[in-house]
Amino acid sequence: MNCEKCRIKTLRVVSDADGVSSVGFEGENKQNVVVIGDVDAAGLASRLRKKVGHTDIISVAPVKEK
């Protein structure tokens, strides 16, 4: 994501999804979105592609309890 407007739009789309507990950015230039919660990853990626643009799912893993 190259612009602040894209980041804001991404946060809005992701935070509106059912089951999202936490959303954040990480990685070089804050280009990776980290979503924590019981979320349909494929559905969320599809929604992001429609609203924001190019989207890849990097990994899906269960949340590790402390």
C-alpha atoms as a PDB file:
ATOM      1  CA  MET A   1       0.000   0.000   0.000  1.00  0.00           C
ATOM      2  CA  ASN A   2       1.548   3.186  -1.161  1.00  0.00           C
ATOM      3  CA  CYS A   3      -0.746   5.815   0.287  1.00  0.00           C
ATOM      4  CA  GLU A   4      -2.402   6.611   3.580  1.00  0.00           C
ATOM      5  CA  LYS A   5      -5.813   6.643   1.888  1.00  0.00           C
ATOM      6  CA  CYS A   6      -5.350   2.977   0.884  1.00  0.00           C
ATOM      7  CA  ARG A   7      -4.379   2.027   4.450  1.00  0.00           C
ATOM      8  CA  ILE A   8      -7.459   3.727   5.867  1.00  0.00           C
ATOM      9  CA  LYS A   9      -9.726   2.030   3.327  1.00  0.00           C
ATOM     10  CA  THR A  10      -8.121  -1.334   4.134  1.00  0.00           C
ATOM     11  CA  LEU A  11      -8.680  -0.827   7.861  1.00  0.00           C
ATOM     12  CA  ARG A  12     -12.340   0.014   7.258  1.00  0.00           C
ATOM     13  CA  VAL A  13     -12.937  -3.069   5.088  1.00  0.00           C
ATOM     14  CA  VAL A  14     -11.133  -5.435   7.472  1.00  0.00           C
ATOM     15  CA  SER A  15     -12.630  -4.042  10.672  1.00  0.00           C
ATOM     16  CA  ASP A  16     -16.161  -4.415   9.247  1.00  0.00           C
ATOM     17  CA  ALA A  17     -15.642  -8.169   8.696  1.00  0.00           C
ATOM     18  CA  ASP A  18     -17.291 -10.583  11.128  1.00  0.00           C
ATOM     19  CA  GLY A  19     -15.023 -12.187  13.720  1.00  0.00           C
ATOM     20  CA  VAL A  20     -12.146  -9.705  13.598  1.00  0.00           C
ATOM     21  CA  SER A  21     -10.513  -9.182  17.007  1.00  0.00           C
ATOM     22  CA  SER A  22      -7.487  -7.122  16.013  1.00  0.00           C
ATOM     23  CA  VAL A  23      -6.065  -5.442  12.903  1.00  0.00           C
ATOM     24  CA  GLY A  24      -2.590  -4.046  12.369  1.00  0.00           C
ATOM     25  CA  PHE A  25       0.114  -3.349   9.816  1.00  0.00           C
ATOM     26  CA  GLU A  26       3.614  -4.826   9.841  1.00  0.00           C
ATOM     27  CA  GLY A  27       6.564  -5.476   7.571  1.00  0.00           C
ATOM     28  CA  GLU A  28       8.615  -3.209   5.390  1.00  0.00           C
ATOM     29  CA  ASN A  29       6.772   0.076   4.785  1.00  0.00           C
ATOM     30  CA  LYS A  30       3.754  -1.314   6.711  1.00  0.00           C
ATOM     31  CA  GLN A  31       2.488  -3.146   3.615  1.00  0.00           C
ATOM     32  CA  ASN A  32       1.272  -6.337   5.347  1.00  0.00           C
ATOM     33  CA  VAL A  33      -2.064  -6.401   7.145  1.00  0.00           C
ATOM     34  CA  VAL A  34      -2.283  -8.692  10.182  1.00  0.00           C
ATOM     35  CA  VAL A  35      -5.809  -9.790  11.094  1.00  0.00           C
ATOM     36  CA  ILE A  36      -6.484 -11.714  14.306  1.00  0.00           C
ATOM     37  CA  GLY A  37      -9.799 -13.418  14.940  1.00  0.00           C
ATOM     38  CA  ASP A  38     -12.165 -16.064  13.644  1.00  0.00           C
ATOM     39  CA  VAL A  39     -12.312 -14.752  10.066  1.00  0.00           C
ATOM     40  CA  ASP A  40     -13.018 -16.295   6.657  1.00  0.00           C
ATOM     41  CA  ALA A  41      -9.625 -15.532   5.077  1.00  0.00           C
ATOM     42  CA  ALA A  42     -10.717 -16.210   1.491  1.00  0.00           C
ATOM     43  CA  GLY A  43     -13.836 -14.063   1.848  1.00  0.00           C
ATOM     44  CA  LEU A  44     -11.866 -11.232   3.421  1.00  0.00           C
ATOM     45  CA  ALA A  45      -9.230 -11.386   0.669  1.00  0.00           C
ATOM     46  CA  SER A  46     -11.959 -11.299  -1.974  1.00  0.00           C
ATOM     47  CA  ARG A  47     -13.569  -8.264  -0.350  1.00  0.00           C
ATOM     48  CA  LEU A  48     -10.185  -6.497  -0.169  1.00  0.00           C
ATOM     49  CA  ARG A  49      -9.510  -7.219  -3.848  1.00  0.00           C
ATOM     50  CA  LYS A  50     -12.825  -5.620  -4.807  1.00  0.00           C
ATOM     51  CA  LYS A  51     -12.482  -2.558  -2.575  1.00  0.00           C
ATOM     52  CA  VAL A  52      -8.729  -1.866  -2.398  1.00  0.00           C
ATOM     53  CA  GLY A  53      -6.851  -3.813  -5.068  1.00  0.00           C
ATOM     54  CA  HIS A  54      -4.205  -6.533  -5.232  1.00  0.00           C
ATOM     55  CA  THR A  55      -4.365  -8.865  -2.206  1.00  0.00           C
ATOM     56  CA  ASP A  56      -2.419 -12.000  -1.253  1.00  0.00           C
ATOM     57  CA  ILE A  57      -2.944 -14.334   1.699  1.00  0.00           C
ATOM     58  CA  ILE A  58       0.525 -14.932   3.146  1.00  0.00           C
ATOM     59  CA  SER A  59      -0.351 -17.321   5.975  1.00  0.00           C
ATOM     60  CA  VAL A  60      -3.243 -18.612   8.046  1.00  0.00           C
ATOM     61  CA  ALA A  61      -2.635 -20.028  11.518  1.00  0.00           C
ATOM     62  CA  PRO A  62      -4.562 -20.573  14.746  1.00  0.00           C
ATOM     63  CA  VAL A  63      -4.027 -18.043  17.518  1.00  0.00           C
ATOM     64  CA  LYS A  64      -1.544 -19.313  20.104  1.00  0.00           C
ATOM     65  CA  GLU A  65      -2.860 -19.109  23.654  1.00  0.00           C
ATOM     66  CA  LYS A  66      -0.521 -17.652  26.281  1.00  0.00           C
END
